[in-house]
Amino acid sequence: MDAAIVPNFIIVDTHYRKLPDLLVGDVSGFAASHEYAAINDPERDRPEPVFAALVRFCIRLHKQEMAGPLPWRDRATLQQIHGVFELVARDDIASRKLTLVTAMFDALAEDEGWSVLPGLKKRFGPCTRHFFNLWIM
């Protein structure tokens, strides 16, 4: 085809761009969390900072769980978060998987993440566990 006829275009992954809305809408308490509140308003439309905030929220809940039993609402929230992790890990879209690996597993590499690793691993779904095993090696 003639380059003059076909203009340059950018492929936009619309599912990936909807990830912030999915996270805020599907995880109870996340929108009201201090992790989400810490994101600057313009950044709330970007998947990477919102997903990273969700990971920090998850780590905080796991730390609370290590200190004692969680209320049922927080246990349900952890279940929702891990469901989102598995959904992202199962996605055919590489950009979502990259977000999972970089945001979640890199947060684990920080000081605060390793302490909650046993609790996280118990709740990992098969795809999340697979990505974790690839990352850790």
Protein backbone atom coordinates (compact mmCIF):
# COMPACT_ATOMS: atom_id res chain seq x y z
CA MET A 1 0.00 0.00 0.00
CA ASP A 2 1.07 3.52 -0.65
CA ALA A 3 2.34 5.28 2.49
CA ALA A 4 0.74 8.51 1.30
CA ILE A 5 -2.68 6.87 1.38
CA VAL A 6 -2.37 5.10 4.75
CA PRO A 7 -1.70 7.64 7.50
CA ASN A 8 0.40 6.83 10.55
CA PHE A 9 -1.65 5.54 13.42
CA ILE A 10 -1.14 4.33 16.97
CA ILE A 11 -2.78 1.18 18.26
CA VAL A 12 -4.36 1.95 21.60
CA ASP A 13 -5.12 -0.87 23.99
CA THR A 14 -8.49 0.34 25.25
CA HIS A 15 -8.83 -2.54 27.73
CA TYR A 16 -5.56 -1.54 29.34
CA ARG A 17 -6.67 2.09 29.56
CA LYS A 18 -9.83 0.93 31.38
CA LEU A 19 -7.80 -0.88 34.03
CA PRO A 20 -7.95 2.01 36.57
CA ASP A 21 -11.76 2.06 36.42
CA LEU A 22 -11.86 -1.73 36.81
CA LEU A 23 -9.63 -1.60 39.89
CA VAL A 24 -11.54 1.21 41.55
CA GLY A 25 -14.92 -0.32 40.73
CA ASP A 26 -14.22 -3.97 41.49
CA VAL A 27 -12.24 -3.78 44.74
CA SER A 28 -14.20 -2.75 47.83
CA GLY A 29 -12.56 -0.02 49.83
CA PHE A 30 -9.83 0.74 47.31
CA ALA A 31 -11.30 4.08 46.18
CA ALA A 32 -11.42 5.20 49.84
CA SER A 33 -7.95 3.89 50.71
CA HIS A 34 -5.05 6.18 51.50
CA GLU A 35 -3.04 4.34 48.83
CA TYR A 36 -5.50 5.48 46.15
CA ALA A 37 -5.81 8.95 47.68
CA ALA A 38 -2.03 9.35 47.41
CA ILE A 39 -2.21 9.21 43.60
CA ASN A 40 -2.23 12.66 41.99
CA ASP A 41 -5.48 13.38 40.15
CA PRO A 42 -4.02 13.32 36.61
CA GLU A 43 -2.30 10.00 37.36
CA ARG A 44 -5.59 8.30 38.29
CA ASP A 45 -6.29 7.65 34.62
CA ARG A 46 -3.02 5.77 34.11
CA PRO A 47 -3.02 2.01 34.76
CA GLU A 48 0.49 1.79 36.21
CA PRO A 49 0.12 4.13 39.23
CA VAL A 50 -3.37 2.85 40.04
CA PHE A 51 -2.28 -0.79 39.90
CA ALA A 52 0.80 0.02 42.01
CA ALA A 53 -1.49 1.67 44.59
CA LEU A 54 -3.68 -1.46 44.60
CA VAL A 55 -0.59 -3.56 45.28
CA ARG A 56 0.37 -1.31 48.22
CA PHE A 57 -3.22 -1.58 49.50
CA CYS A 58 -2.97 -5.38 49.23
CA ILE A 59 0.36 -5.43 51.08
CA ARG A 60 -1.12 -3.30 53.87
CA LEU A 61 -4.08 -5.67 54.26
CA HIS A 62 -1.76 -8.68 54.32
CA LYS A 63 0.33 -7.00 57.03
CA GLN A 64 -2.81 -6.43 59.09
CA GLU A 65 -3.72 -10.08 58.57
CA MET A 66 -0.32 -11.12 59.93
CA ALA A 67 -1.08 -9.15 63.10
CA GLY A 68 -4.41 -10.87 63.66
CA PRO A 69 -7.64 -11.99 62.04
CA LEU A 70 -9.11 -9.55 59.56
CA PRO A 71 -12.75 -8.47 59.61
CA TRP A 72 -14.82 -10.28 56.98
CA ARG A 73 -14.96 -7.15 54.81
CA ASP A 74 -11.15 -6.95 54.58
CA ARG A 75 -10.91 -10.68 53.88
CA ALA A 76 -13.42 -10.21 51.05
CA THR A 77 -11.40 -7.26 49.76
CA LEU A 78 -8.23 -9.39 49.68
CA GLN A 79 -10.15 -12.02 47.75
CA GLN A 80 -11.27 -9.36 45.25
CA ILE A 81 -7.71 -8.03 44.89
CA HIS A 82 -6.30 -11.46 44.22
CA GLY A 83 -9.12 -12.05 41.74
CA VAL A 84 -8.01 -8.91 39.89
CA PHE A 85 -4.39 -10.10 39.97
CA GLU A 86 -5.46 -13.40 38.41
CA LEU A 87 -7.63 -11.63 35.82
CA VAL A 88 -4.68 -9.48 34.78
CA ALA A 89 -2.31 -12.47 34.74
CA ARG A 90 -4.73 -14.45 32.53
CA ASP A 91 -5.24 -11.57 30.11
CA ASP A 92 -4.08 -12.02 26.53
CA ILE A 93 -2.93 -8.42 26.44
CA ALA A 94 0.77 -8.23 27.17
CA SER A 95 0.60 -4.68 28.57
CA ARG A 96 -1.64 -5.80 31.43
CA LYS A 97 0.70 -8.66 32.29
CA LEU A 98 3.64 -6.28 32.24
CA THR A 99 1.77 -4.06 34.70
CA LEU A 100 1.26 -7.04 37.02
CA VAL A 101 4.89 -8.06 36.91
CA THR A 102 6.38 -4.60 37.28
CA ALA A 103 3.96 -3.17 39.84
CA MET A 104 3.25 -6.19 41.97
CA PHE A 105 6.42 -8.17 42.01
CA ASP A 106 8.69 -5.14 42.10
CA ALA A 107 6.74 -3.92 45.15
CA LEU A 108 7.48 -7.28 46.75
CA ALA A 109 11.16 -6.71 46.13
CA GLU A 110 10.97 -3.62 48.32
CA ASP A 111 11.45 -4.06 52.05
CA GLU A 112 7.77 -4.12 52.96
CA GLY A 113 6.73 -6.75 50.44
CA TRP A 114 8.82 -9.73 51.50
CA SER A 115 7.22 -9.91 54.93
CA VAL A 116 3.79 -10.63 53.44
CA LEU A 117 4.95 -13.00 50.72
CA PRO A 118 3.67 -16.20 52.42
CA GLY A 119 0.16 -14.73 52.70
CA LEU A 120 0.24 -13.47 49.15
CA LYS A 121 1.40 -16.80 47.76
CA LYS A 122 -1.43 -18.64 49.53
CA ARG A 123 -3.94 -16.54 47.61
CA PHE A 124 -2.20 -16.53 44.23
CA GLY A 125 -4.23 -18.08 41.45
CA PRO A 126 -2.48 -20.41 38.97
CA CYS A 127 -1.60 -17.69 36.43
CA THR A 128 -0.37 -15.25 39.06
CA ARG A 129 1.71 -18.03 40.62
CA HIS A 130 3.17 -18.88 37.21
CA PHE A 131 4.25 -15.25 36.64
CA PHE A 132 5.65 -15.04 40.14
CA ASN A 133 7.73 -18.18 39.58
CA LEU A 134 9.08 -16.77 36.33
CA TRP A 135 9.87 -13.45 38.01
CA ILE A 136 11.59 -14.94 41.06
CA MET A 137 13.95 -17.08 38.95
